[in-house]
C-alpha atoms as a PDB file:
ATOM      1  CA  MET A   1      64.945  22.025  86.150  1.00  0.00           C
ATOM      2  CA  LYS A   2      66.387  19.717  88.808  1.00  0.00           C
ATOM      3  CA  LYS A   3      65.466  22.221  91.432  1.00  0.00           C
ATOM      4  CA  ASP A   4      61.855  22.335  90.142  1.00  0.00           C
ATOM      5  CA  MET A   5      61.676  18.499  90.211  1.00  0.00           C
ATOM      6  CA  ARG A   6      62.914  18.385  93.751  1.00  0.00           C
ATOM      7  CA  PHE A   7      60.334  21.039  94.746  1.00  0.00           C
ATOM      8  CA  LEU A   8      57.526  18.975  93.141  1.00  0.00           C
ATOM      9  CA  ALA A   9      58.737  15.818  94.946  1.00  0.00           C
ATOM     10  CA  VAL A  10      58.645  17.574  98.283  1.00  0.00           C
ATOM     11  CA  VAL A  11      55.104  18.761  97.615  1.00  0.00           C
ATOM     12  CA  VAL A  12      53.929  15.273  96.728  1.00  0.00           C
ATOM     13  CA  LEU A  13      55.541  13.941  99.946  1.00  0.00           C
ATOM     14  CA  LEU A  14      53.796  16.596 102.004  1.00  0.00           C
ATOM     15  CA  LEU A  15      50.464  15.644 100.383  1.00  0.00           C
ATOM     16  CA  ILE A  16      51.143  12.068 101.353  1.00  0.00           C
ATOM     17  CA  SER A  17      52.026  13.076 104.922  1.00  0.00           C
ATOM     18  CA  PHE A  18      48.836  14.993 105.311  1.00  0.00           C
ATOM     19  CA  SER A  19      46.714  11.956 104.454  1.00  0.00           C
ATOM     20  CA  SER A  20      45.808   9.174 106.892  1.00  0.00           C
ATOM     21  CA  TYR A  21      46.549   5.484 106.279  1.00  0.00           C
ATOM     22  CA  ASN A  22      43.701   4.046 108.400  1.00  0.00           C
ATOM     23  CA  ALA A  23      41.003   3.189 105.890  1.00  0.00           C
ATOM     24  CA  SER A  24      40.350   3.470 102.197  1.00  0.00           C
ATOM     25  CA  GLY A  25      38.416   6.436 100.851  1.00  0.00           C
ATOM     26  CA  GLN A  26      38.102   8.174  97.513  1.00  0.00           C
ATOM     27  CA  GLN A  27      36.465  11.460  96.809  1.00  0.00           C
ATOM     28  CA  VAL A  28      36.622  11.322  93.070  1.00  0.00           C
ATOM     29  CA  GLN A  29      34.653   8.436  91.652  1.00  0.00           C
ATOM     30  CA  LYS A  30      34.239   6.917  88.134  1.00  0.00           C
ATOM     31  CA  GLY A  31      31.900   9.087  86.128  1.00  0.00           C
ATOM     32  CA  ASP A  32      32.496  12.393  88.019  1.00  0.00           C
ATOM     33  CA  PHE A  33      33.104  15.455  85.966  1.00  0.00           C
ATOM     34  CA  LEU A  34      35.226  18.163  87.709  1.00  0.00           C
ATOM     35  CA  LEU A  35      35.098  21.743  86.646  1.00  0.00           C
ATOM     36  CA  SER A  36      37.775  23.840  88.405  1.00  0.00           C
ATOM     37  CA  PRO A  37      38.162  27.597  87.637  1.00  0.00           C
ATOM     38  CA  PHE A  38      41.535  28.835  89.054  1.00  0.00           C
ATOM     39  CA  LEU A  39      43.853  31.831  89.627  1.00  0.00           C
ATOM     40  CA  GLY A  40      47.578  31.408  89.344  1.00  0.00           C
ATOM     41  CA  LEU A  41      50.633  33.411  90.377  1.00  0.00           C
ATOM     42  CA  GLY A  42      53.764  33.423  88.397  1.00  0.00           C
ATOM     43  CA  TYR A  43      54.210  31.972  84.965  1.00  0.00           C
ATOM     44  CA  TYR A  44      56.489  29.505  83.188  1.00  0.00           C
ATOM     45  CA  TYR A  45      57.985  32.185  80.957  1.00  0.00           C
ATOM     46  CA  ALA A  46      57.936  35.157  83.306  1.00  0.00           C
ATOM     47  CA  GLY A  47      61.211  36.202  84.903  1.00  0.00           C
ATOM     48  CA  SER A  48      60.766  39.303  86.998  1.00  0.00           C
ATOM     49  CA  GLY A  49      57.627  41.334  87.023  1.00  0.00           C
ATOM     50  CA  LEU A  50      54.100  40.383  87.920  1.00  0.00           C
ATOM     51  CA  ALA A  51      52.320  37.462  86.152  1.00  0.00           C
ATOM     52  CA  ALA A  52      48.741  36.494  86.939  1.00  0.00           C
ATOM     53  CA  THR A  53      46.843  33.644  85.338  1.00  0.00           C
ATOM     54  CA  ILE A  54      43.093  32.950  85.193  1.00  0.00           C
ATOM     55  CA  GLY A  55      41.850  29.711  83.810  1.00  0.00           C
ATOM     56  CA  VAL A  56      39.716  26.521  84.057  1.00  0.00           C
ATOM     57  CA  ASN A  57      40.313  22.846  84.118  1.00  0.00           C
ATOM     58  CA  GLY A  58      37.725  20.248  83.284  1.00  0.00           C
ATOM     59  CA  GLU A  59      38.277  16.582  83.971  1.00  0.00           C
ATOM     60  CA  TYR A  60      36.211  13.390  83.589  1.00  0.00           C
ATOM     61  CA  ALA A  61      36.904  10.488  85.995  1.00  0.00           C
ATOM     62  CA  PHE A  62      37.439   7.374  83.843  1.00  0.00           C
ATOM     63  CA  THR A  63      38.085   5.282  86.994  1.00  0.00           C
ATOM     64  CA  ASP A  64      38.299   6.168  90.696  1.00  0.00           C
ATOM     65  CA  GLU A  65      41.977   6.842  90.168  1.00  0.00           C
ATOM     66  CA  ILE A  66      42.361   8.206  86.595  1.00  0.00           C
ATOM     67  CA  SER A  67      40.836  11.350  85.149  1.00  0.00           C
ATOM     68  CA  GLY A  68      41.478  13.345  82.039  1.00  0.00           C
ATOM     69  CA  GLY A  69      40.256  16.466  80.280  1.00  0.00           C
ATOM     70  CA  GLY A  70      41.391  19.850  79.210  1.00  0.00           C
ATOM     71  CA  TYR A  71      42.425  23.254  80.330  1.00  0.00           C
ATOM     72  CA  LEU A  72      42.295  26.799  79.095  1.00  0.00           C
ATOM     73  CA  ALA A  73      44.263  29.726  80.721  1.00  0.00           C
ATOM     74  CA  TYR A  74      45.025  33.351  80.116  1.00  0.00           C
ATOM     75  CA  THR A  75      48.129  34.979  81.649  1.00  0.00           C
ATOM     76  CA  ARG A  76      49.222  38.632  81.597  1.00  0.00           C
ATOM     77  CA  TRP A  77      52.785  39.366  82.565  1.00  0.00           C
ATOM     78  CA  SER A  78      53.875  42.983  82.981  1.00  0.00           C
ATOM     79  CA  HIS A  79      57.443  44.106  83.264  1.00  0.00           C
ATOM     80  CA  ASP A  80      58.707  47.637  83.789  1.00  0.00           C
ATOM     81  CA  TYR A  81      62.229  47.947  82.430  1.00  0.00           C
ATOM     82  CA  GLY A  82      62.627  51.471  83.808  1.00  0.00           C
ATOM     83  CA  ASN A  83      63.309  54.712  81.942  1.00  0.00           C
ATOM     84  CA  GLY A  84      59.788  54.629  80.438  1.00  0.00           C
ATOM     85  CA  TYR A  85      60.058  51.148  78.970  1.00  0.00           C
ATOM     86  CA  ASP A  86      57.121  48.932  79.828  1.00  0.00           C
ATOM     87  CA  TYR A  87      56.174  45.617  78.237  1.00  0.00           C
ATOM     88  CA  ASN A  88      52.970  43.566  78.731  1.00  0.00           C
ATOM     89  CA  TYR A  89      52.904  39.997  77.564  1.00  0.00           C
ATOM     90  CA  ASN A  90      49.722  38.013  76.957  1.00  0.00           C
ATOM     91  CA  PHE A  91      49.700  34.216  76.881  1.00  0.00           C
ATOM     92  CA  ILE A  92      46.740  31.893  76.005  1.00  0.00           C
ATOM     93  CA  ASP A  93      47.300  28.290  76.949  1.00  0.00           C
ATOM     94  CA  PHE A  94      45.134  25.316  76.121  1.00  0.00           C
ATOM     95  CA  GLY A  95      45.505  21.635  76.043  1.00  0.00           C
ATOM     96  CA  VAL A  96      44.868  18.267  77.581  1.00  0.00           C
ATOM     97  CA  ARG A  97      45.703  16.931  81.030  1.00  0.00           C
ATOM     98  CA  ALA A  98      45.562  13.666  82.865  1.00  0.00           C
ATOM     99  CA  SER A  99      45.548  13.002  86.596  1.00  0.00           C
ATOM    100  CA  TYR A 100      46.121  10.086  88.989  1.00  0.00           C
ATOM    101  CA  HIS A 101      44.184  10.410  92.228  1.00  0.00           C
ATOM    102  CA  PHE A 102      46.128   8.898  95.110  1.00  0.00           C
ATOM    103  CA  ALA A 103      43.445   8.619  97.787  1.00  0.00           C
ATOM    104  CA  LYS A 104      42.727   4.892  97.279  1.00  0.00           C
ATOM    105  CA  LEU A 105      46.455   4.024  96.883  1.00  0.00           C
ATOM    106  CA  LEU A 106      47.279   5.880 100.050  1.00  0.00           C
ATOM    107  CA  ARG A 107      44.274   4.674 101.993  1.00  0.00           C
ATOM    108  CA  VAL A 108      43.121   8.225 102.809  1.00  0.00           C
ATOM    109  CA  SER A 109      40.526   7.952 105.448  1.00  0.00           C
ATOM    110  CA  ASN A 110      39.155  11.447 104.934  1.00  0.00           C
ATOM    111  CA  LYS A 111      36.647  11.085 102.013  1.00  0.00           C
ATOM    112  CA  LYS A 112      36.723  14.810 101.450  1.00  0.00           C
ATOM    113  CA  PHE A 113      40.478  14.937 100.663  1.00  0.00           C
ATOM    114  CA  ASP A 114      41.665  14.163  97.130  1.00  0.00           C
ATOM    115  CA  PRO A 115      45.433  14.245  96.471  1.00  0.00           C
ATOM    116  CA  TYR A 116      46.450  13.892  92.815  1.00  0.00           C
ATOM    117  CA  ALA A 117      49.208  14.508  90.372  1.00  0.00           C
ATOM    118  CA  GLY A 118      49.444  14.468  86.613  1.00  0.00           C
ATOM    119  CA  ALA A 119      50.820  15.761  83.347  1.00  0.00           C
ATOM    120  CA  PHE A 120      49.569  17.990  80.595  1.00  0.00           C
ATOM    121  CA  LEU A 121      50.395  18.736  76.936  1.00  0.00           C
ATOM    122  CA  GLY A 122      49.224  22.008  75.513  1.00  0.00           C
ATOM    123  CA  TYR A 123      49.849  24.862  73.122  1.00  0.00           C
ATOM    124  CA  VAL A 124      50.621  28.492  74.090  1.00  0.00           C
ATOM    125  CA  ALA A 125      50.068  31.530  71.875  1.00  0.00           C
ATOM    126  CA  SER A 126      51.635  34.800  72.982  1.00  0.00           C
ATOM    127  CA  SER A 127      51.648  38.436  72.122  1.00  0.00           C
ATOM    128  CA  ASN A 128      53.165  41.539  73.656  1.00  0.00           C
ATOM    129  CA  ASN A 129      52.269  45.247  74.043  1.00  0.00           C
ATOM    130  CA  TYR A 130      55.052  47.867  74.287  1.00  0.00           C
ATOM    131  CA  ASP A 131      54.540  51.221  76.052  1.00  0.00           C
ATOM    132  CA  GLY A 132      57.621  53.372  75.836  1.00  0.00           C
ATOM    133  CA  PRO A 133      59.917  55.439  73.634  1.00  0.00           C
ATOM    134  CA  GLY A 134      61.254  54.155  70.288  1.00  0.00           C
ATOM    135  CA  ASN A 135      60.319  50.936  68.550  1.00  0.00           C
ATOM    136  CA  SER A 136      59.314  47.791  70.403  1.00  0.00           C
ATOM    137  CA  PHE A 137      61.159  44.537  69.927  1.00  0.00           C
ATOM    138  CA  ASP A 138      59.508  41.401  68.562  1.00  0.00           C
ATOM    139  CA  ASN A 139      57.578  39.052  70.707  1.00  0.00           C
ATOM    140  CA  ASP A 140      60.278  36.978  72.394  1.00  0.00           C
ATOM    141  CA  TYR A 141      58.043  34.055  73.136  1.00  0.00           C
ATOM    142  CA  GLY A 142      56.043  33.285  69.991  1.00  0.00           C
ATOM    143  CA  SER A 143      53.811  30.165  70.101  1.00  0.00           C
ATOM    144  CA  ASP A 144      54.794  26.665  70.936  1.00  0.00           C
ATOM    145  CA  VAL A 145      53.714  23.263  72.217  1.00  0.00           C
ATOM    146  CA  ARG A 146      54.200  22.976  76.022  1.00  0.00           C
ATOM    147  CA  PRO A 147      54.397  19.871  78.207  1.00  0.00           C
ATOM    148  CA  GLY A 148      54.202  20.018  82.021  1.00  0.00           C
ATOM    149  CA  ILE A 149      53.545  18.280  85.328  1.00  0.00           C
ATOM    150  CA  TYR A 150      51.597  19.156  88.430  1.00  0.00           C
ATOM    151  CA  ALA A 151      50.624  17.953  91.843  1.00  0.00           C
ATOM    152  CA  GLY A 152      47.719  19.134  93.938  1.00  0.00           C
ATOM    153  CA  ALA A 153      44.930  18.368  96.375  1.00  0.00           C
ATOM    154  CA  ARG A 154      41.275  19.112  96.633  1.00  0.00           C
ATOM    155  CA  TYR A 155      39.098  19.315  99.790  1.00  0.00           C
ATOM    156  CA  PHE A 156      35.385  18.997  99.290  1.00  0.00           C
ATOM    157  CA  PHE A 157      33.560  20.900 102.077  1.00  0.00           C
ATOM    158  CA  GLN A 158      30.257  20.028 100.330  1.00  0.00           C
ATOM    159  CA  PRO A 159      29.522  16.902  98.388  1.00  0.00           C
ATOM    160  CA  ASN A 160      29.881  18.735  95.020  1.00  0.00           C
ATOM    161  CA  ILE A 161      31.893  21.877  95.905  1.00  0.00           C
ATOM    162  CA  GLY A 162      35.427  22.057  97.077  1.00  0.00           C
ATOM    163  CA  VAL A 163      38.626  23.999  96.946  1.00  0.00           C
ATOM    164  CA  PHE A 164      42.009  22.962  95.428  1.00  0.00           C
ATOM    165  CA  GLY A 165      45.609  24.038  95.183  1.00  0.00           C
ATOM    166  CA  GLU A 166      48.233  22.986  92.702  1.00  0.00           C
ATOM    167  CA  VAL A 167      51.962  23.416  91.990  1.00  0.00           C
ATOM    168  CA  SER A 168      53.229  22.845  88.540  1.00  0.00           C
ATOM    169  CA  ILE A 169      56.083  23.061  86.153  1.00  0.00           C
ATOM    170  CA  GLY A 170      55.127  24.327  82.701  1.00  0.00           C
ATOM    171  CA  LEU A 171      52.234  26.796  83.353  1.00  0.00           C
ATOM    172  CA  THR A 172      51.819  28.642  86.616  1.00  0.00           C
ATOM    173  CA  PRO A 173      53.939  27.549  89.501  1.00  0.00           C
ATOM    174  CA  ILE A 174      51.102  27.924  92.060  1.00  0.00           C
ATOM    175  CA  SER A 175      47.362  28.038  91.482  1.00  0.00           C
ATOM    176  CA  GLY A 176      44.227  27.492  93.400  1.00  0.00           C
ATOM    177  CA  GLY A 177      40.502  27.806  93.001  1.00  0.00           C
ATOM    178  CA  VAL A 178      37.080  26.083  93.411  1.00  0.00           C
ATOM    179  CA  THR A 179      36.070  22.632  92.148  1.00  0.00           C
ATOM    180  CA  PHE A 180      32.488  21.810  91.112  1.00  0.00           C
ATOM    181  CA  ARG A 181      31.719  18.132  90.868  1.00  0.00           C
ATOM    182  CA  PHE A 182      28.993  16.912  88.520  1.00  0.00           C
END
């Protein structure tokens, strides 16, 4: 966990270093609604094997710096244990998230760039499919409440359309997608 926290701290510092300190600018403004479908690689529970996540975040900007909303994500993790043993895990995550947008604080001069970080609290439901000889074992993961943190940045190449990337602890380690601003 300490290693994850150090990695997240490095990412936040990189986001800060990519911003300019010349003049204030804020892409996200009070009243904006951001809808962000995303794809993620890796998964909080997944060890080895391939895990892919598809999901959507929706956030409302309560102020120029604070937004909040929800998320919904589906992850499939496949693992081949060899000798004909193959497991596929399915995870459905949903919950709430809140973000702090750093552009004003950091005096970002590029109004298209929106660095942010935040936390989420959600619920995960899981199931597994077994393909192999003999009986399958029970679902190791069950369902549970899950907290997490994330850091990311958006770049709006059009007034209401942009791209974003995030790193997180608690869902998918790396994700990215498109943001639509309403």
